């Protein structure tokens, strides 16, 4: 077929497209868009997994530095006139005096002095400086202030217990040497090392050879293979290219010995698929102190016959991106980080040799946001961000018609995830997630919030609903079966209920969906099988009888 069709041919193509996709929002589920959505979702899962993993591996600092605080051995009592503190830089004198003043009675004895020194040590520990120690500068005297000198200490050395490990301590702890030991910085560096699957490391704090010095020894609890092989099989693919998809991933930890992470993934449609779909993606990340930098690239293509016609649908998608994330604050119960990423997305969908312009945008987007991870009555993870379409790197120009999708857009996104788990004797789990998006612009299909998806409202796959603004609320409750099974096998039945709202533009009516799922998760060390029966409950523009029938969803992952 020639690429330039006569007017009659173009009208036929338009009629075919309307028959295939039905509504404008259904364009969000074309194969090329679905491929990029899968890549974006995979990147989000990697980033979220790394944040959650930091909390699963907390408490890996073993402090063996002995307290050297002391008070005079006699039992004399002194009527001291106050406290004079020197050597403190990390905690102000005003804060110290405020906490210490109630600990000084009118006549201070040895027990009171010991309580005071212990209180100073505890203040520094709570502030994140476990190696700081207070001392009495001289013998207390009646009528004179008590002189306390604080040695806040410094990190004398950082070393690996196994010098052959291909890890970079300079990249993990760039600003620790020579400074007072700040526990959040030490934990941050450990997190960057432990994000690699091959390593489970802990830190021991040892007395230094110099006064006030602390030596940090990084010790491995477990060391595995640096090479990893991952596979995944599911039936969530496009009906045009084939429902069943297989992906194979190869990863290596610290290939350049800078705590970096490299992953290559290949995927394709399998099992006598009606069409063809194949692609490859590359992900690389490297940390430096509180920063994590990453690049990703993927290219996918598909070809599939259109049912009951002589036409063939084919296309490609290309997705490249760079990102940076920085930890802004971390404490005993939470962590706050800021992230930004720049993406370039190019989609091409064709009917035979004719390019479908509406479904073939080229976009450059800039995202920025903040992430909060918090532990209080369960785990909370929140994200608040903004995304803008830019006219960079060959992005499409502004659309001439206001009703057409705009490559230069502005949208806001928010996400809140809550996971709560029962006690060990009854480890039920409730997971609730809320996704929000708002935009006043007419968005390209790939930028819309897709409601009818396994990662959104479960129970819909033949009927597509998406919009520039919307919300998705997902809820799942599960409980492992308390029965002994061989090979550490665990069965976890699960019930799910999802709700979704979306509208295509600010002038469009709201569309609402509700869906449910019932299934089971079967897990082994390194393997997980999820089998769900999903079914629709409600669609605002369809009768109950017109809803699609329920269907089974299979998702099997294996890691070696």
Protein backbone atom coordinates (compact mmCIF):
# COMPACT_ATOMS: atom_id res chain seq x y z
CA UNK A 1 0.00 0.00 0.00
CA UNK A 2 1.44 3.45 -0.82
CA UNK A 3 2.07 5.77 2.06
CA UNK A 4 -0.01 8.58 0.54
CA UNK A 5 -3.63 7.39 0.37
CA UNK A 6 -6.40 9.04 -1.58
CA UNK A 7 -9.22 10.68 0.32
CA UNK A 8 -11.49 7.63 0.08
CA UNK A 9 -8.74 5.43 1.50
CA UNK A 10 -8.21 7.77 4.43
CA UNK A 11 -11.92 7.73 5.20
CA UNK A 12 -11.87 3.93 5.22
CA UNK A 13 -8.94 3.97 7.62
CA UNK A 14 -10.74 6.38 9.92
CA UNK A 15 -13.78 4.13 9.93
CA UNK A 16 -11.59 1.16 10.79
CA UNK A 17 -9.99 3.06 13.65
CA UNK A 18 -13.35 4.05 15.09
CA UNK A 19 -14.39 0.43 14.95
CA UNK A 20 -11.19 -0.70 16.64
CA UNK A 21 -10.92 1.82 19.40
CA UNK A 22 -14.44 3.18 19.80
CA UNK A 23 -13.58 6.35 21.76
CA UNK A 24 -10.72 8.79 21.96
CA UNK A 25 -9.69 7.67 25.42
CA UNK A 26 -9.31 4.11 24.13
CA UNK A 27 -6.29 5.28 22.16
CA UNK A 28 -4.46 5.11 25.47
CA UNK A 29 -4.44 1.32 25.17
CA UNK A 30 -2.81 0.95 21.75
CA UNK A 31 0.13 -1.52 21.75
CA UNK A 32 2.86 1.15 21.53
CA UNK A 33 1.37 3.13 24.42
CA UNK A 34 0.98 -0.02 26.48
CA UNK A 35 4.63 -0.87 25.92
CA UNK A 36 5.80 2.52 27.22
CA UNK A 37 3.37 2.32 30.16
CA UNK A 38 4.88 -1.04 31.07
CA UNK A 39 8.38 0.46 30.97
CA UNK A 40 7.36 3.43 33.14
CA UNK A 41 5.65 1.11 35.61
CA UNK A 42 8.76 -1.09 35.78
CA UNK A 43 10.94 1.95 36.57
CA UNK A 44 8.53 3.09 39.29
CA UNK A 45 8.57 -0.39 40.82
CA UNK A 46 12.39 -0.43 40.84
CA UNK A 47 12.55 2.96 42.58
CA UNK A 48 9.81 2.09 45.08
CA UNK A 49 11.38 -1.29 45.83
CA UNK A 50 14.73 0.35 46.58
CA UNK A 51 13.09 2.82 49.00
CA UNK A 52 11.17 0.09 50.82
CA UNK A 53 14.26 -2.12 50.94
CA UNK A 54 16.10 0.60 52.84
CA UNK A 55 13.64 0.17 55.71
CA UNK A 56 13.64 -3.61 55.65
CA UNK A 57 17.41 -3.55 56.22
CA UNK A 58 17.53 -0.89 58.92
CA UNK A 59 19.30 -1.50 62.21
CA UNK A 60 22.52 -2.73 60.59
CA UNK A 61 24.85 -0.49 62.63
CA UNK A 62 26.53 -2.24 65.54
CA UNK A 63 27.99 0.26 67.97
CA UNK A 64 30.77 -1.21 70.09
CA UNK A 65 32.26 2.12 71.16
CA UNK A 66 32.43 2.03 74.94
CA UNK A 67 31.34 5.00 76.98
CA UNK A 68 34.22 6.87 78.58
CA UNK A 69 32.08 9.28 80.55
CA UNK A 70 33.11 9.46 84.20
CA UNK A 71 32.64 11.41 87.39
CA UNK A 72 34.84 11.79 90.48
CA UNK A 73 34.83 8.63 92.62
CA UNK A 74 34.15 10.36 95.96
CA UNK A 75 30.70 11.00 97.41
CA UNK A 76 31.12 14.72 98.07
CA UNK A 77 28.28 17.16 97.36
CA UNK A 78 28.85 20.52 95.61
CA UNK A 79 26.60 23.55 95.40
CA UNK A 80 27.56 24.41 91.82
CA UNK A 81 26.28 27.61 90.22
CA UNK A 82 25.48 26.19 86.76
CA UNK A 83 26.98 24.33 83.82
CA UNK A 84 29.56 25.59 81.35
CA UNK A 85 29.76 23.44 78.20
CA UNK A 86 32.51 23.60 75.59
CA UNK A 87 33.34 21.57 72.49
CA UNK A 88 29.75 21.28 71.31
CA UNK A 89 29.07 22.17 67.67
CA UNK A 90 26.31 19.80 66.60
CA UNK A 91 23.94 20.73 69.47
CA UNK A 92 23.69 24.31 70.66
CA UNK A 93 24.58 25.30 74.22
CA UNK A 94 21.09 26.69 74.75
CA UNK A 95 19.48 23.34 73.89
CA UNK A 96 21.91 21.48 76.13
CA UNK A 97 21.39 23.81 79.08
CA UNK A 98 17.61 23.60 78.69
CA UNK A 99 17.72 19.80 79.02
CA UNK A 100 20.37 19.71 81.76
CA UNK A 101 19.15 22.43 84.12
CA UNK A 102 16.44 20.22 85.75
CA UNK A 103 19.09 17.56 86.45
CA UNK A 104 21.14 19.81 88.76
CA UNK A 105 19.89 19.86 92.38
CA UNK A 106 20.97 22.51 94.88
CA UNK A 107 23.70 20.18 96.04
CA UNK A 108 25.10 17.98 93.28
CA UNK A 109 26.61 14.63 94.12
CA UNK A 110 28.40 11.96 92.15
CA UNK A 111 25.16 10.20 91.16
CA UNK A 112 23.80 13.52 89.86
CA UNK A 113 26.95 14.09 87.81
CA UNK A 114 26.68 10.63 86.29
CA UNK A 115 23.04 11.29 85.37
CA UNK A 116 24.04 14.58 83.76
CA UNK A 117 26.81 13.01 81.68
CA UNK A 118 24.50 10.18 80.65
CA UNK A 119 21.82 12.69 79.64
CA UNK A 120 24.30 14.53 77.41
CA UNK A 121 25.29 11.25 75.75
CA UNK A 122 21.64 10.35 75.16
CA UNK A 123 20.95 13.77 73.64
CA UNK A 124 23.74 13.25 71.15
CA UNK A 125 22.60 9.71 70.37
CA UNK A 126 19.05 10.93 69.68
CA UNK A 127 20.49 13.66 67.46
CA UNK A 128 22.34 11.01 65.44
CA UNK A 129 25.85 11.32 66.92
CA UNK A 130 26.45 8.06 68.84
CA UNK A 131 30.23 8.48 69.14
CA UNK A 132 30.15 11.82 70.98
CA UNK A 133 31.24 11.73 74.64
CA UNK A 134 31.09 14.32 77.49
CA UNK A 135 33.80 14.67 80.17
CA UNK A 136 34.30 16.78 83.28
CA UNK A 137 37.00 19.31 82.50
CA UNK A 138 38.02 19.65 86.17
CA UNK A 139 36.98 18.79 89.71
CA UNK A 140 33.61 20.37 90.65
CA UNK A 141 33.83 23.26 93.12
CA UNK A 142 31.19 24.83 95.33
CA UNK A 143 29.99 28.19 94.04
CA UNK A 144 31.48 27.68 90.59
CA UNK A 145 29.91 26.36 87.37
CA UNK A 146 30.41 22.75 86.41
CA UNK A 147 32.73 22.62 83.39
CA UNK A 148 31.89 19.92 80.85
CA UNK A 149 33.83 19.38 77.64
CA UNK A 150 32.23 17.42 74.82
CA UNK A 151 34.38 15.53 72.37
CA UNK A 152 32.09 15.10 69.41
CA UNK A 153 34.68 12.92 67.76
CA UNK A 154 35.40 12.20 64.14
CA UNK A 155 35.47 9.29 61.72
CA UNK A 156 39.05 8.12 61.63
CA UNK A 157 38.69 5.46 58.93
CA UNK A 158 36.18 3.47 56.88
CA UNK A 159 37.19 0.10 55.51
CA UNK A 160 35.77 -3.13 54.17
CA UNK A 161 36.29 -6.32 56.15
CA UNK A 162 36.71 -8.04 52.77
CA UNK A 163 38.89 -5.79 50.63
CA UNK A 164 38.14 -7.88 47.53
CA UNK A 165 34.49 -6.80 47.35
CA UNK A 166 33.95 -4.66 44.20
CA UNK A 167 32.43 -1.78 46.15
CA UNK A 168 33.29 1.89 46.46
CA UNK A 169 33.32 3.30 49.99
CA UNK A 170 34.11 6.75 48.60
CA UNK A 171 30.87 6.70 46.62
CA UNK A 172 28.82 5.41 49.55
CA UNK A 173 30.35 7.69 52.23
CA UNK A 174 31.75 10.75 50.39
CA UNK A 175 31.62 13.18 53.33
CA UNK A 176 32.12 11.02 56.41
CA UNK A 177 35.89 10.96 56.98
CA UNK A 178 37.23 13.53 59.42
CA UNK A 179 33.78 14.63 60.56
CA UNK A 180 31.69 13.71 63.60
CA UNK A 181 29.98 10.40 63.02
CA UNK A 182 26.42 11.21 61.93
CA UNK A 183 24.34 8.04 62.00
CA UNK A 184 21.87 8.98 59.19
CA UNK A 185 24.83 9.52 56.84
CA UNK A 186 26.23 6.12 57.80
CA UNK A 187 22.84 4.46 57.28
CA UNK A 188 22.46 6.25 53.95
CA UNK A 189 25.77 4.84 52.73
CA UNK A 190 24.83 1.35 53.91
CA UNK A 191 21.53 1.66 52.05
CA UNK A 192 23.37 2.51 48.84
CA UNK A 193 25.55 -0.59 49.24
CA UNK A 194 22.70 -2.89 50.27
CA UNK A 195 20.52 -1.85 47.33
CA UNK A 196 22.65 -4.29 45.33
CA UNK A 197 21.08 -7.74 45.48
CA UNK A 198 24.37 -9.57 45.99
CA UNK A 199 25.25 -7.91 49.29
CA UNK A 200 23.88 -7.74 52.81
CA UNK A 201 26.25 -5.50 54.77
CA UNK A 202 26.42 -4.12 58.28
CA UNK A 203 28.67 -1.57 59.98
CA UNK A 204 30.59 -1.96 63.23
CA UNK A 205 31.79 1.12 65.15
CA UNK A 206 35.18 0.54 66.75
CA UNK A 207 37.38 2.78 68.94
CA UNK A 208 39.98 4.66 66.93
CA UNK A 209 43.68 4.99 67.58
CA UNK A 210 43.34 8.77 68.09
CA UNK A 211 41.42 10.54 70.83
CA UNK A 212 37.81 10.96 69.71
CA UNK A 213 38.36 8.82 66.64
CA UNK A 214 35.97 6.13 65.46
CA UNK A 215 36.76 3.40 62.97
CA UNK A 216 33.95 2.06 60.78
CA UNK A 217 34.23 -1.52 59.62
CA UNK A 218 31.84 -2.60 56.84
CA UNK A 219 31.20 -6.31 57.26
CA UNK A 220 29.23 -8.67 55.00
CA UNK A 221 26.46 -10.72 56.54
CA UNK A 222 25.90 -12.44 53.22
CA UNK A 223 27.48 -12.22 49.77
CA UNK A 224 25.77 -13.73 46.74
CA UNK A 225 26.42 -13.80 43.04
CA UNK A 226 26.80 -10.44 41.32
CA UNK A 227 24.94 -11.81 38.29
CA UNK A 228 21.17 -12.18 38.35
CA UNK A 229 18.70 -13.73 35.96
CA UNK A 230 15.04 -12.74 36.18
CA UNK A 231 12.08 -13.97 34.17
CA UNK A 232 8.43 -13.04 34.09
CA UNK A 233 5.42 -14.54 32.35
CA UNK A 234 1.97 -12.95 32.31
CA UNK A 235 -1.18 -12.73 30.21
CA UNK A 236 -1.71 -8.98 30.38
CA UNK A 237 -0.64 -8.22 26.82
CA UNK A 238 -2.57 -6.57 23.99
CA UNK A 239 -5.26 -8.63 22.21
CA UNK A 240 -3.71 -7.58 18.89
CA UNK A 241 -0.19 -8.85 19.59
CA UNK A 242 -1.04 -11.62 22.04
CA UNK A 243 -2.04 -11.83 25.68
CA UNK A 244 0.89 -13.92 26.88
CA UNK A 245 4.20 -12.13 27.34
CA UNK A 246 7.60 -13.37 28.44
CA UNK A 247 10.46 -11.20 29.67
CA UNK A 248 14.00 -12.25 30.49
CA UNK A 249 16.33 -9.97 32.42
CA UNK A 250 20.04 -10.12 33.11
CA UNK A 251 21.55 -7.93 35.81
CA UNK A 252 24.98 -7.38 37.30
CA UNK A 253 25.85 -5.64 40.56
CA UNK A 254 28.62 -3.03 40.60
CA UNK A 255 30.01 -3.74 37.10
CA UNK A 256 32.24 -0.64 37.28
CA UNK A 257 32.92 -1.16 41.00
CA UNK A 258 31.18 2.11 41.94
CA UNK A 259 28.11 0.50 43.57
CA UNK A 260 26.29 0.72 40.24
CA UNK A 261 23.46 -1.44 38.95
CA UNK A 262 23.07 -2.61 35.33
CA UNK A 263 20.02 -4.45 33.95
CA UNK A 264 19.15 -5.66 30.45
CA UNK A 265 15.67 -7.00 29.70
CA UNK A 266 14.27 -8.71 26.59
CA UNK A 267 10.56 -9.34 26.12
CA UNK A 268 8.26 -10.84 23.50
CA UNK A 269 4.77 -12.19 22.92
CA UNK A 270 4.65 -16.00 23.18
CA UNK A 271 2.38 -19.06 22.86
CA UNK A 272 1.02 -18.80 19.29
CA UNK A 273 0.29 -15.10 19.57
CA UNK A 274 -1.82 -13.62 16.74
CA UNK A 275 0.86 -11.00 16.15
CA UNK A 276 4.45 -10.25 17.02
CA UNK A 277 5.83 -8.07 19.78
CA UNK A 278 9.43 -7.83 20.90
CA UNK A 279 11.64 -5.32 22.59
CA UNK A 280 14.65 -4.61 24.74
CA UNK A 281 15.30 -2.23 27.62
CA UNK A 282 18.42 -1.11 29.46
CA UNK A 283 18.62 0.38 32.96
CA UNK A 284 21.72 1.71 34.72
CA UNK A 285 21.96 3.51 38.06
CA UNK A 286 24.83 4.75 40.18
CA UNK A 287 24.65 6.30 43.66
CA UNK A 288 26.84 8.94 45.25
CA UNK A 289 26.17 9.74 48.88
CA UNK A 290 22.53 10.84 49.18
CA UNK A 291 22.19 11.03 45.37
CA UNK A 292 21.08 8.30 42.98
CA UNK A 293 21.44 8.87 39.24
CA UNK A 294 19.88 6.62 36.61
CA UNK A 295 19.50 6.32 32.84
CA UNK A 296 17.15 4.07 30.92
CA UNK A 297 16.44 3.28 27.29
CA UNK A 298 14.02 0.92 25.59
CA UNK A 299 12.83 0.15 22.09
CA UNK A 300 9.90 -2.09 21.26
CA UNK A 301 8.08 -3.02 18.07
CA UNK A 302 4.92 -4.90 17.20
CA UNK A 303 3.03 -6.22 14.17
CA UNK A 304 -0.41 -7.78 14.25
CA UNK A 305 -3.24 -8.50 11.82
CA UNK A 306 -6.48 -6.64 12.45
CA UNK A 307 -9.26 -9.21 12.94
CA UNK A 308 -11.74 -9.65 10.07
CA UNK A 309 -9.78 -7.32 7.76
CA UNK A 310 -6.86 -7.55 5.36
CA UNK A 311 -5.03 -4.78 7.19
CA UNK A 312 -2.05 -5.07 9.51
CA UNK A 313 -1.34 -2.90 12.51
CA UNK A 314 2.32 -2.26 13.31
CA UNK A 315 4.40 0.22 15.20
CA UNK A 316 7.33 1.03 17.45
CA UNK A 317 7.94 2.84 20.70
CA UNK A 318 11.17 4.40 21.92
CA UNK A 319 11.67 5.58 25.46
CA UNK A 320 14.80 7.21 26.91
CA UNK A 321 15.19 8.92 30.25
CA UNK A 322 17.56 10.26 32.87
CA UNK A 323 16.70 10.74 36.53
CA UNK A 324 18.16 11.96 39.80
CA UNK A 325 16.95 11.50 43.37
CA UNK A 326 18.35 13.00 46.55
CA UNK A 327 17.56 12.11 50.14
CA UNK A 328 16.73 15.38 51.91
CA UNK A 329 16.04 14.04 55.39
CA UNK A 330 15.97 10.74 57.19
CA UNK A 331 15.11 9.88 60.75
CA UNK A 332 14.16 6.97 62.91
CA UNK A 333 10.68 6.69 61.41
CA UNK A 334 10.86 8.35 58.01
CA UNK A 335 12.72 9.50 54.94
CA UNK A 336 12.10 12.43 52.59
CA UNK A 337 13.58 12.65 49.11
CA UNK A 338 13.23 14.81 46.01
CA UNK A 339 13.40 13.42 42.49
CA UNK A 340 13.38 14.66 38.93
CA UNK A 341 13.49 12.93 35.58
CA UNK A 342 13.65 13.94 31.91
CA UNK A 343 12.04 11.55 29.41
CA UNK A 344 11.83 11.37 25.64
CA UNK A 345 8.99 9.25 24.23
CA UNK A 346 8.39 8.47 20.58
CA UNK A 347 5.46 6.36 19.45
CA UNK A 348 4.63 5.28 15.92
CA UNK A 349 1.46 3.37 15.12
CA UNK A 350 0.68 2.40 11.53
CA UNK A 351 -2.10 0.77 9.60
CA UNK A 352 -0.16 -1.08 6.91
CA UNK A 353 2.22 1.68 5.74
CA UNK A 354 0.08 4.65 6.81
CA UNK A 355 1.14 6.52 9.93
CA UNK A 356 -1.68 7.23 12.38
CA UNK A 357 -0.83 10.76 13.44
CA UNK A 358 -3.08 10.96 16.50
CA UNK A 359 -1.52 7.82 17.93
CA UNK A 360 2.08 8.69 17.03
CA UNK A 361 3.27 11.54 19.26
CA UNK A 362 6.83 12.52 20.06
CA UNK A 363 7.07 13.93 23.58
CA UNK A 364 9.70 15.30 25.92
CA UNK A 365 8.58 15.50 29.53
CA UNK A 366 10.11 16.82 32.73
CA UNK A 367 8.87 15.45 36.06
CA UNK A 368 9.74 16.71 39.54
CA UNK A 369 8.38 15.67 42.90
CA UNK A 370 8.95 14.70 46.51
CA UNK A 371 8.71 11.24 48.10
CA UNK A 372 7.92 10.57 51.75
CA UNK A 373 8.38 7.18 53.40
CA UNK A 374 6.98 6.91 56.93
CA UNK A 375 6.59 4.13 59.50
CA UNK A 376 3.67 4.70 61.85
CA UNK A 377 0.85 2.16 62.30
CA UNK A 378 2.10 0.46 59.17
CA UNK A 379 4.06 1.72 56.21
CA UNK A 380 3.15 4.91 54.35
CA UNK A 381 4.62 6.04 51.05
CA UNK A 382 3.54 9.30 49.43
CA UNK A 383 4.48 11.14 46.25
CA UNK A 384 3.54 14.62 45.09
CA UNK A 385 4.79 15.85 41.73
CA UNK A 386 4.33 17.91 38.61
CA UNK A 387 5.01 17.02 34.97
CA UNK A 388 5.41 19.36 32.00
CA UNK A 389 5.67 18.64 28.31
CA UNK A 390 8.59 20.48 26.72
CA UNK A 391 9.42 21.49 23.15
CA UNK A 392 12.85 19.83 23.36
CA UNK A 393 14.59 17.11 21.36
CA UNK A 394 12.18 17.04 18.44
CA UNK A 395 8.96 17.02 20.44
CA UNK A 396 5.75 17.71 18.56
CA UNK A 397 4.78 21.39 18.17
CA UNK A 398 1.60 22.71 19.79
CA UNK A 399 -1.54 21.31 18.19
CA UNK A 400 -3.42 23.71 15.95
CA UNK A 401 -6.82 22.71 17.31
CA UNK A 402 -7.63 23.13 20.98
CA UNK A 403 -9.45 19.80 21.05
CA UNK A 404 -6.36 17.89 19.89
CA UNK A 405 -3.81 16.41 22.33
CA UNK A 406 -1.14 18.93 23.34
CA UNK A 407 2.53 17.94 23.44
CA UNK A 408 3.24 20.93 25.71
CA UNK A 409 1.07 20.24 28.72
CA UNK A 410 1.02 20.58 32.48
CA UNK A 411 -0.26 17.94 34.87
CA UNK A 412 -0.10 17.20 38.59
CA UNK A 413 0.23 13.76 40.14
CA UNK A 414 -0.08 12.38 43.66
CA UNK A 415 0.16 8.90 45.10
CA UNK A 416 -0.41 7.48 48.58
CA UNK A 417 0.35 3.87 49.51
CA UNK A 418 -0.45 2.34 52.89
CA UNK A 419 0.46 -1.18 53.98
CA UNK A 420 -0.59 -2.58 57.34
CA UNK A 421 0.19 -6.06 58.59
CA UNK A 422 -1.07 -8.08 61.52
CA UNK A 423 1.01 -9.70 64.27
CA UNK A 424 3.24 -12.70 63.64
CA UNK A 425 0.60 -15.17 64.83
CA UNK A 426 -1.91 -13.72 62.34
CA UNK A 427 0.01 -11.92 59.56
CA UNK A 428 -2.91 -10.56 57.57
CA UNK A 429 -2.06 -7.70 55.23
CA UNK A 430 -4.10 -4.74 54.02
CA UNK A 431 -2.74 -2.67 51.16
CA UNK A 432 -4.46 0.49 49.98
CA UNK A 433 -3.23 2.79 47.22
CA UNK A 434 -4.64 6.06 45.91
CA UNK A 435 -3.45 7.57 42.60
CA UNK A 436 -4.51 11.07 41.58
CA UNK A 437 -3.90 13.10 38.42
CA UNK A 438 -5.14 16.52 37.33
CA UNK A 439 -4.64 18.50 34.14
CA UNK A 440 -6.60 21.20 32.34
CA UNK A 441 -4.95 20.29 29.02
CA UNK A 442 -5.98 17.71 26.45
CA UNK A 443 -3.27 15.12 27.04
CA UNK A 444 -1.67 12.68 24.62
CA UNK A 445 -2.84 9.12 25.19
CA UNK A 446 0.39 8.04 26.88
CA UNK A 447 0.06 10.85 29.47
CA UNK A 448 -3.54 10.08 30.42
CA UNK A 449 -4.48 8.22 33.58
CA UNK A 450 -5.63 4.78 32.42
CA UNK A 451 -8.36 3.33 34.63
CA UNK A 452 -8.97 -0.02 32.93
CA UNK A 453 -5.74 -1.86 33.65
CA UNK A 454 -4.35 -4.56 35.93
CA UNK A 455 -2.39 -1.83 37.75
CA UNK A 456 -5.50 0.37 38.10
CA UNK A 457 -9.12 -0.86 38.27
CA UNK A 458 -8.98 -4.62 37.92
CA UNK A 459 -11.68 -6.43 35.93
CA UNK A 460 -11.47 -4.46 32.67
CA UNK A 461 -9.34 -5.20 29.63
CA UNK A 462 -11.68 -5.12 26.59
CA UNK A 463 -13.14 -1.76 27.65
CA UNK A 464 -10.73 1.16 27.88
CA UNK A 465 -11.26 4.28 30.00
CA UNK A 466 -8.65 7.02 30.44
CA UNK A 467 -8.56 10.73 31.08
CA UNK A 468 -6.47 13.81 31.72
CA UNK A 469 -7.83 13.99 35.27
CA UNK A 470 -8.83 11.14 37.47
CA UNK A 471 -8.36 8.99 40.54
CA UNK A 472 -7.81 5.29 41.21
CA UNK A 473 -8.31 3.71 44.63
CA UNK A 474 -7.07 0.11 44.99
CA UNK A 475 -7.57 -2.09 48.04
CA UNK A 476 -6.37 -5.63 48.75
CA UNK A 477 -6.66 -7.85 51.81
CA UNK A 478 -4.67 -11.08 52.11
CA UNK A 479 -3.92 -13.72 54.72
CA UNK A 480 -1.35 -16.54 54.42
CA UNK A 481 -2.65 -20.02 55.09
CA UNK A 482 -1.32 -21.35 58.38
CA UNK A 483 -0.55 -24.82 57.09
CA UNK A 484 2.88 -26.46 56.93
CA UNK A 485 4.09 -26.79 53.34
CA UNK A 486 7.37 -28.15 51.94
CA UNK A 487 10.19 -26.02 50.48
CA UNK A 488 9.05 -22.90 52.42
CA UNK A 489 6.03 -22.68 50.15
CA UNK A 490 3.48 -20.04 51.16
CA UNK A 491 -0.11 -19.66 49.96
CA UNK A 492 -1.73 -16.26 50.43
CA UNK A 493 -5.38 -15.88 49.29
CA UNK A 494 -6.30 -12.31 48.38
CA UNK A 495 -9.45 -10.24 47.81
CA UNK A 496 -9.34 -6.90 45.99
CA UNK A 497 -11.74 -4.03 45.33
CA UNK A 498 -10.91 -1.06 43.08
CA UNK A 499 -12.66 2.20 42.21
CA UNK A 500 -11.79 4.70 39.49
CA UNK A 501 -12.93 8.08 38.18
CA UNK A 502 -11.68 9.85 35.04
CA UNK A 503 -12.64 12.48 32.53
CA UNK A 504 -10.98 13.05 29.18
CA UNK A 505 -10.98 16.88 29.34
CA UNK A 506 -12.11 19.52 31.79
CA UNK A 507 -15.41 19.79 29.87
CA UNK A 508 -16.06 16.05 29.64
CA UNK A 509 -18.35 14.14 31.99
CA UNK A 510 -16.83 11.91 34.62
CA UNK A 511 -16.62 8.19 33.94
CA UNK A 512 -16.61 5.77 36.84
CA UNK A 513 -15.46 2.17 37.11
CA UNK A 514 -15.54 -0.43 39.86
CA UNK A 515 -13.90 -3.83 39.71
CA UNK A 516 -12.89 -6.70 41.95
CA UNK A 517 -10.58 -9.68 42.02
CA UNK A 518 -10.15 -12.87 44.01
CA UNK A 519 -7.05 -14.98 43.80
CA UNK A 520 -4.05 -16.51 45.45
CA UNK A 521 -0.35 -15.78 45.59
CA UNK A 522 2.00 -18.75 45.72
CA UNK A 523 5.53 -17.87 46.75
CA UNK A 524 8.82 -19.68 47.12
CA UNK A 525 12.25 -18.18 47.78
CA UNK A 526 13.05 -16.48 44.48
CA UNK A 527 9.69 -17.22 42.84
CA UNK A 528 6.18 -15.78 42.99
CA UNK A 529 3.01 -16.85 41.18
CA UNK A 530 -0.11 -14.70 41.27
CA UNK A 531 -3.38 -16.05 39.90
CA UNK A 532 -6.42 -13.75 40.02
CA UNK A 533 -9.95 -13.98 38.73
CA UNK A 534 -10.89 -10.40 37.88
CA UNK A 535 -14.38 -9.19 37.07
CA UNK A 536 -16.06 -5.80 36.52
CA UNK A 537 -18.66 -4.51 38.94
CA UNK A 538 -19.76 -1.20 37.48
CA UNK A 539 -19.18 1.18 34.55
CA UNK A 540 -21.04 4.48 34.54
CA UNK A 541 -21.80 4.45 30.80
CA UNK A 542 -22.71 0.77 30.48
CA UNK A 543 -25.43 -1.44 31.85
CA UNK A 544 -24.55 -4.36 34.08
CA UNK A 545 -25.43 -6.79 31.28
CA UNK A 546 -23.10 -5.01 28.84
CA UNK A 547 -20.01 -5.42 31.02
CA UNK A 548 -17.35 -7.82 29.82
CA UNK A 549 -17.15 -11.24 31.49
CA UNK A 550 -14.58 -12.01 34.13
CA UNK A 551 -11.17 -13.38 33.23
CA UNK A 552 -8.09 -14.97 34.78
CA UNK A 553 -4.82 -13.06 35.19
CA UNK A 554 -1.54 -14.92 35.54
CA UNK A 555 1.71 -13.33 36.70
CA UNK A 556 4.71 -15.55 37.40
CA UNK A 557 8.15 -14.19 38.26
CA UNK A 558 11.35 -16.13 38.90
CA UNK A 559 14.71 -14.79 40.11
CA UNK A 560 17.98 -16.69 40.09
